[in-house]
Amino acid sequence: MVSENPKTSVYDEERLLRRIDELGERAERLEKELARSHRLVMLGTLVGTIAHEFNNLLTPVMSYAQLALHDMDDKDLVSKALEKSLNTTDKAANIASALLGFTREGSDDSSCSVQSVLDEALTCMARTPEKDGISCTYEIEDGLRAGIQPIALQHVFLNLLLNACKAMRPKAGSLVIRGERSTWNPPTTTPTRNPQHDQIKSSGGVAILVSDTGHGISQDIQNKVFEPFFSGVDENETPEGSGLGLTICKRLIEEVGGTISVQSTPGEGTTFSIMLPDGEAAAEHGDDSASDRSAA
């Protein structure tokens, strides 16, 4: 009978643990690349709308310039034309800046202003929902901050906004986005990759609701909307997206210890409910961690 060599057993165990760590790091890198790729996919779905909106902005700029050149002696006319052109090009620059920011990697910020991130997401859309007959209500509590990176929350907002607008076309509808401070009662099964968030949760949370009056989601598939590659279209239809939008949103939210759920009634509409850690608590814990690292 051959006895097991203890040294060999320990060596194999250490090698296995190193391999597991390597695979974990590789999986994390792939998830980040997937999220970035999906941001580009979302921009791709917007390209037609963005091009149309830019054309709508550039056409009057050309008209104002031609008008000013036609009668340069009229100082009031030239001044008005230049002011109109400047305002329009400023709006176009803001759209371009928001789009460029959406394609970049996230910052080290552990929290963000919910209102500011929502504004950025709406700017990325270029064409506001109101232009398609969708009435919008945005009710974000003053000074509300969520414990999540700005680029991650912008990704979530943009995905939910696009889905909501799609669900209400071609008919008109209403879109409501609410954000407020709320009691933090996360389920114990919520996966958390950052242990700091176990402490942050006790400080309260941020509740965000995104509701639309679109065609809704049938009860039998509501529990599938967050699954990878689930598009919700019939087999004979061609899906417009990758089927990863809500999956990535769920991962980004759960990565900071948050939750996302959906409630929907066919023919009446859909509401996505998001709970995130309080941003002020997240920022404080982030500062404490930085101090600890500096002291070390």
Protein backbone atom coordinates (compact mmCIF):
# COMPACT_ATOMS: atom_id res chain seq x y z
CA MET A 1 0.00 0.00 0.00
CA VAL A 2 1.41 3.38 -1.06
CA SER A 3 1.21 6.04 1.64
CA GLU A 4 0.35 9.61 0.69
CA ASN A 5 3.20 12.08 0.89
CA PRO A 6 2.10 14.95 3.20
CA LYS A 7 4.34 17.46 1.40
CA THR A 8 2.81 16.57 -1.97
CA SER A 9 -0.71 16.91 -0.53
CA VAL A 10 0.02 20.38 0.87
CA TYR A 11 1.66 21.45 -2.39
CA ASP A 12 -1.35 20.31 -4.44
CA GLU A 13 -3.72 22.12 -2.10
CA GLU A 14 -1.76 25.38 -2.34
CA ARG A 15 -1.61 25.11 -6.12
CA LEU A 16 -5.37 24.53 -6.25
CA LEU A 17 -6.02 27.59 -4.06
CA ARG A 18 -3.78 29.74 -6.29
CA ARG A 19 -5.63 28.47 -9.33
CA ILE A 20 -8.99 29.32 -7.76
CA ASP A 21 -7.75 32.87 -6.99
CA GLU A 22 -6.52 33.28 -10.58
CA LEU A 23 -9.86 32.12 -11.98
CA GLY A 24 -11.70 34.51 -9.65
CA GLU A 25 -9.59 37.45 -10.82
CA ARG A 26 -10.07 36.48 -14.45
CA ALA A 27 -13.85 36.19 -13.97
CA GLU A 28 -13.92 39.65 -12.39
CA ARG A 29 -12.01 41.15 -15.34
CA LEU A 30 -14.37 39.47 -17.80
CA GLU A 31 -17.42 40.81 -15.95
CA LYS A 32 -16.04 44.35 -16.16
CA GLU A 33 -15.36 43.92 -19.88
CA LEU A 34 -18.88 42.57 -20.36
CA ALA A 35 -20.38 45.60 -18.63
CA ARG A 36 -18.30 47.96 -20.77
CA SER A 37 -19.25 46.07 -23.95
CA HIS A 38 -22.90 46.29 -23.04
CA ARG A 39 -22.60 50.05 -22.59
CA LEU A 40 -21.38 50.21 -26.19
CA VAL A 41 -24.31 48.01 -27.28
CA MET A 42 -26.74 50.43 -25.62
CA LEU A 43 -25.10 53.35 -27.40
CA GLY A 44 -25.46 51.42 -30.63
CA THR A 45 -29.21 51.19 -30.10
CA LEU A 46 -29.27 54.97 -29.61
CA VAL A 47 -27.14 55.88 -32.63
CA GLY A 48 -30.10 56.50 -34.95
CA THR A 49 -31.84 58.73 -32.43
CA ILE A 50 -28.62 60.57 -31.60
CA ALA A 51 -27.84 61.22 -35.28
CA HIS A 52 -31.37 62.52 -35.86
CA GLU A 53 -31.16 64.77 -32.79
CA PHE A 54 -27.77 66.15 -33.80
CA ASN A 55 -29.17 66.94 -37.23
CA ASN A 56 -32.04 68.80 -35.56
CA LEU A 57 -29.51 70.80 -33.57
CA LEU A 58 -27.11 71.57 -36.43
CA THR A 59 -29.77 72.67 -38.93
CA PRO A 60 -30.84 75.80 -37.00
CA VAL A 61 -27.18 76.63 -36.25
CA MET A 62 -26.53 76.78 -40.00
CA SER A 63 -29.68 78.88 -40.48
CA TYR A 64 -28.63 81.34 -37.77
CA ALA A 65 -25.14 81.66 -39.28
CA GLN A 66 -26.55 82.28 -42.77
CA LEU A 67 -28.98 84.83 -41.36
CA ALA A 68 -26.18 86.71 -39.59
CA LEU A 69 -23.94 86.69 -42.69
CA HIS A 70 -26.79 87.94 -44.83
CA ASP A 71 -27.15 91.16 -42.86
CA MET A 72 -24.04 91.76 -40.75
CA ASP A 73 -24.87 95.45 -40.32
CA ASP A 74 -27.88 94.55 -38.17
CA LYS A 75 -26.10 94.16 -34.82
CA ASP A 76 -29.24 93.02 -32.98
CA LEU A 77 -29.86 90.29 -35.55
CA VAL A 78 -26.23 89.13 -35.49
CA SER A 79 -26.18 89.09 -31.69
CA LYS A 80 -29.41 87.08 -31.53
CA ALA A 81 -28.17 84.62 -34.17
CA LEU A 82 -24.87 84.12 -32.35
CA GLU A 83 -26.64 83.60 -29.01
CA LYS A 84 -29.00 81.01 -30.52
CA SER A 85 -26.08 79.21 -32.18
CA LEU A 86 -24.05 79.19 -28.97
CA ASN A 87 -26.92 77.74 -26.92
CA THR A 88 -27.58 75.02 -29.48
CA THR A 89 -23.94 73.99 -29.85
CA ASP A 90 -23.63 73.93 -26.04
CA LYS A 91 -26.48 71.40 -25.89
CA ALA A 92 -24.81 69.29 -28.58
CA ALA A 93 -21.51 69.42 -26.67
CA ASN A 94 -23.25 68.25 -23.49
CA ILE A 95 -24.72 65.26 -25.32
CA ALA A 96 -21.32 64.35 -26.79
CA SER A 97 -19.64 64.72 -23.38
CA ALA A 98 -22.22 62.49 -21.69
CA LEU A 99 -21.81 59.83 -24.37
CA LEU A 100 -18.02 59.87 -24.08
CA GLY A 101 -18.25 59.63 -20.30
CA PHE A 102 -20.57 56.64 -20.57
CA THR A 103 -17.99 54.66 -22.56
CA ARG A 104 -15.16 55.22 -20.08
CA GLU A 105 -14.27 53.09 -17.10
CA GLY A 106 -15.77 54.00 -13.73
CA SER A 107 -14.02 56.27 -11.25
CA ASP A 108 -12.97 55.35 -7.72
CA ASP A 109 -15.99 57.18 -6.29
CA SER A 110 -17.95 54.91 -3.95
CA SER A 111 -21.09 57.08 -4.06
CA CYS A 112 -22.91 59.46 -6.38
CA SER A 113 -25.71 62.01 -6.60
CA VAL A 114 -28.81 60.19 -7.87
CA GLN A 115 -30.20 63.35 -9.50
CA SER A 116 -26.92 64.13 -11.32
CA VAL A 117 -26.58 60.58 -12.64
CA LEU A 118 -30.21 60.58 -13.84
CA ASP A 119 -29.58 63.87 -15.66
CA GLU A 120 -26.52 62.33 -17.35
CA ALA A 121 -28.52 59.29 -18.45
CA LEU A 122 -31.25 61.49 -19.94
CA THR A 123 -28.59 63.54 -21.75
CA CYS A 124 -27.13 60.34 -23.22
CA MET A 125 -30.54 59.54 -24.71
CA ALA A 126 -30.30 62.83 -26.70
CA ARG A 127 -34.02 62.63 -27.53
CA THR A 128 -36.08 63.11 -24.39
CA PRO A 129 -39.07 60.75 -23.85
CA GLU A 130 -41.44 63.73 -23.91
CA LYS A 131 -40.81 64.12 -27.65
CA ASP A 132 -42.43 60.70 -28.16
CA GLY A 133 -45.54 61.66 -26.22
CA ILE A 134 -44.34 60.10 -22.96
CA SER A 135 -45.10 62.22 -19.91
CA CYS A 136 -42.25 62.07 -17.40
CA THR A 137 -42.14 62.64 -13.67
CA TYR A 138 -38.81 62.73 -11.86
CA GLU A 139 -39.04 62.92 -8.09
CA ILE A 140 -35.59 62.61 -6.53
CA GLU A 141 -35.17 63.62 -2.90
CA ASP A 142 -32.86 66.61 -2.52
CA GLY A 143 -29.25 65.68 -1.81
CA LEU A 144 -29.92 61.97 -2.30
CA ARG A 145 -26.70 59.98 -2.70
CA ALA A 146 -26.42 56.25 -3.42
CA GLY A 147 -23.54 53.97 -2.49
CA ILE A 148 -22.63 52.93 -6.03
CA GLN A 149 -20.22 54.20 -8.68
CA PRO A 150 -21.72 56.92 -10.93
CA ILE A 151 -21.04 54.96 -14.16
CA ALA A 152 -22.75 51.88 -12.72
CA LEU A 153 -25.92 53.75 -11.72
CA GLN A 154 -25.94 55.56 -15.07
CA HIS A 155 -25.77 52.17 -16.78
CA VAL A 156 -28.78 50.98 -14.76
CA PHE A 157 -30.79 54.16 -15.40
CA LEU A 158 -30.12 54.18 -19.12
CA ASN A 159 -31.03 50.51 -19.51
CA LEU A 160 -34.31 50.92 -17.61
CA LEU A 161 -35.16 54.15 -19.45
CA LEU A 162 -34.63 52.56 -22.85
CA ASN A 163 -36.70 49.52 -21.90
CA ALA A 164 -39.51 51.68 -20.50
CA CYS A 165 -39.69 53.91 -23.59
CA LYS A 166 -39.67 50.87 -25.86
CA ALA A 167 -42.54 49.31 -23.88
CA MET A 168 -44.68 52.46 -24.35
CA ARG A 169 -44.11 52.94 -28.08
CA PRO A 170 -45.80 53.62 -30.42
CA LYS A 171 -48.56 54.64 -28.00
CA ALA A 172 -48.06 57.40 -25.48
CA GLY A 173 -47.61 56.66 -21.80
CA SER A 174 -46.13 57.91 -18.57
CA LEU A 175 -42.76 57.34 -16.96
CA VAL A 176 -42.14 57.94 -13.27
CA ILE A 177 -38.76 57.79 -11.51
CA ARG A 178 -38.67 58.28 -7.76
CA GLY A 179 -35.73 58.26 -5.38
CA GLU A 180 -35.80 58.62 -1.62
CA ARG A 181 -34.08 57.58 1.57
CA SER A 182 -35.54 54.40 3.00
CA THR A 183 -35.11 51.79 5.70
CA TRP A 184 -32.55 49.21 4.62
CA ASN A 185 -33.82 45.65 5.05
CA PRO A 186 -31.90 43.51 2.55
CA PRO A 187 -32.59 39.78 2.26
CA THR A 188 -29.90 37.60 3.81
CA THR A 189 -29.41 35.83 0.48
CA THR A 190 -28.21 38.98 -1.30
CA PRO A 191 -24.66 38.33 -2.59
CA THR A 192 -22.21 40.96 -1.39
CA ARG A 193 -18.67 41.18 -2.76
CA ASN A 194 -17.60 44.04 -0.51
CA PRO A 195 -17.72 43.26 3.25
CA GLN A 196 -17.91 47.02 4.00
CA HIS A 197 -21.51 47.05 2.79
CA ASP A 198 -22.59 44.82 5.70
CA GLN A 199 -21.79 47.80 7.94
CA ILE A 200 -23.21 50.38 5.50
CA LYS A 201 -26.62 48.66 5.40
CA SER A 202 -27.26 49.47 9.04
CA SER A 203 -27.11 53.19 8.16
CA GLY A 204 -30.20 53.01 5.94
CA GLY A 205 -30.59 52.83 2.20
CA VAL A 206 -31.76 54.52 -0.98
CA ALA A 207 -34.91 53.35 -2.74
CA ILE A 208 -35.32 54.03 -6.47
CA LEU A 209 -38.48 53.18 -8.42
CA VAL A 210 -38.73 53.24 -12.22
CA SER A 211 -42.33 52.82 -13.42
CA ASP A 212 -43.90 52.86 -16.87
CA THR A 213 -47.39 52.33 -18.30
CA GLY A 214 -46.23 50.06 -21.13
CA HIS A 215 -47.45 46.65 -22.22
CA GLY A 216 -46.17 45.00 -19.04
CA ILE A 217 -44.59 41.60 -18.43
CA SER A 218 -46.59 38.41 -18.02
CA GLN A 219 -46.41 36.68 -14.66
CA ASP A 220 -44.82 33.50 -16.03
CA ILE A 221 -41.70 35.29 -17.28
CA GLN A 222 -41.22 37.96 -14.60
CA ASN A 223 -38.80 35.69 -12.74
CA LYS A 224 -36.76 35.24 -15.93
CA VAL A 225 -36.10 38.87 -16.93
CA PHE A 226 -32.80 38.97 -15.04
CA GLU A 227 -31.52 35.75 -16.61
CA PRO A 228 -28.67 36.01 -19.17
CA PHE A 229 -29.73 36.18 -22.83
CA PHE A 230 -33.44 36.37 -22.00
CA SER A 231 -35.06 38.76 -24.48
CA GLY A 232 -38.75 38.18 -23.82
CA VAL A 233 -39.61 38.11 -27.55
CA ASP A 234 -41.28 35.35 -29.51
CA GLU A 235 -39.14 32.77 -31.29
CA ASN A 236 -40.09 34.26 -34.69
CA GLU A 237 -39.03 37.77 -33.64
CA THR A 238 -35.51 39.17 -33.82
CA PRO A 239 -34.34 40.52 -30.46
CA GLU A 240 -33.05 44.10 -30.58
CA GLY A 241 -30.53 43.71 -27.75
CA SER A 242 -28.17 41.10 -26.39
CA GLY A 243 -30.48 39.91 -23.63
CA LEU A 244 -27.85 40.92 -21.06
CA GLY A 245 -29.12 44.37 -20.08
CA LEU A 246 -31.05 43.49 -16.93
CA THR A 247 -28.56 40.76 -16.06
CA ILE A 248 -25.72 43.30 -15.95
CA CYS A 249 -27.88 45.82 -14.08
CA LYS A 250 -28.58 43.18 -11.43
CA ARG A 251 -24.88 42.35 -11.14
CA LEU A 252 -23.88 46.01 -10.78
CA ILE A 253 -26.48 46.54 -8.07
CA GLU A 254 -25.73 43.35 -6.16
CA GLU A 255 -22.01 44.07 -6.36
CA VAL A 256 -22.54 46.88 -3.84
CA GLY A 257 -24.93 44.80 -1.75
CA GLY A 258 -28.12 46.20 -3.31
CA THR A 259 -31.23 44.54 -4.68
CA ILE A 260 -33.47 44.93 -7.74
CA SER A 261 -36.90 43.43 -8.32
CA VAL A 262 -39.75 43.79 -10.80
CA GLN A 263 -43.52 44.01 -10.45
CA SER A 264 -45.67 44.09 -13.57
CA THR A 265 -49.24 43.72 -14.76
CA PRO A 266 -49.80 42.94 -18.47
CA GLY A 267 -51.49 45.85 -20.20
CA GLU A 268 -50.92 48.22 -17.27
CA GLY A 269 -47.20 48.66 -16.84
CA THR A 270 -44.03 47.69 -15.04
CA THR A 271 -42.13 48.92 -11.98
CA PHE A 272 -38.51 48.14 -11.18
CA SER A 273 -37.62 48.61 -7.51
CA ILE A 274 -33.99 49.20 -6.58
CA MET A 275 -32.48 49.37 -3.11
CA LEU A 276 -28.93 50.67 -2.70
CA PRO A 277 -26.72 51.52 0.28
CA ASP A 278 -26.83 55.11 1.48
CA GLY A 279 -24.20 57.12 -0.40
CA GLU A 280 -23.02 59.19 2.55
CA ALA A 281 -22.35 56.06 4.60
CA ALA A 282 -20.57 54.44 1.66
CA ALA A 283 -18.35 57.50 1.21
CA GLU A 284 -17.47 57.54 4.92
CA HIS A 285 -16.50 53.86 4.89
CA GLY A 286 -14.53 54.45 1.70
CA ASP A 287 -12.57 57.24 3.41
CA ASP A 288 -11.95 55.02 6.43
CA SER A 289 -10.60 52.28 4.17
CA ALA A 290 -8.28 54.73 2.43
CA SER A 291 -7.00 55.93 5.81
CA ASP A 292 -6.37 52.35 6.89
CA ARG A 293 -4.40 51.65 3.74
CA SER A 294 -2.34 54.80 4.24
CA ALA A 295 -1.61 53.87 7.86
CA ALA A 296 -0.53 50.41 6.80
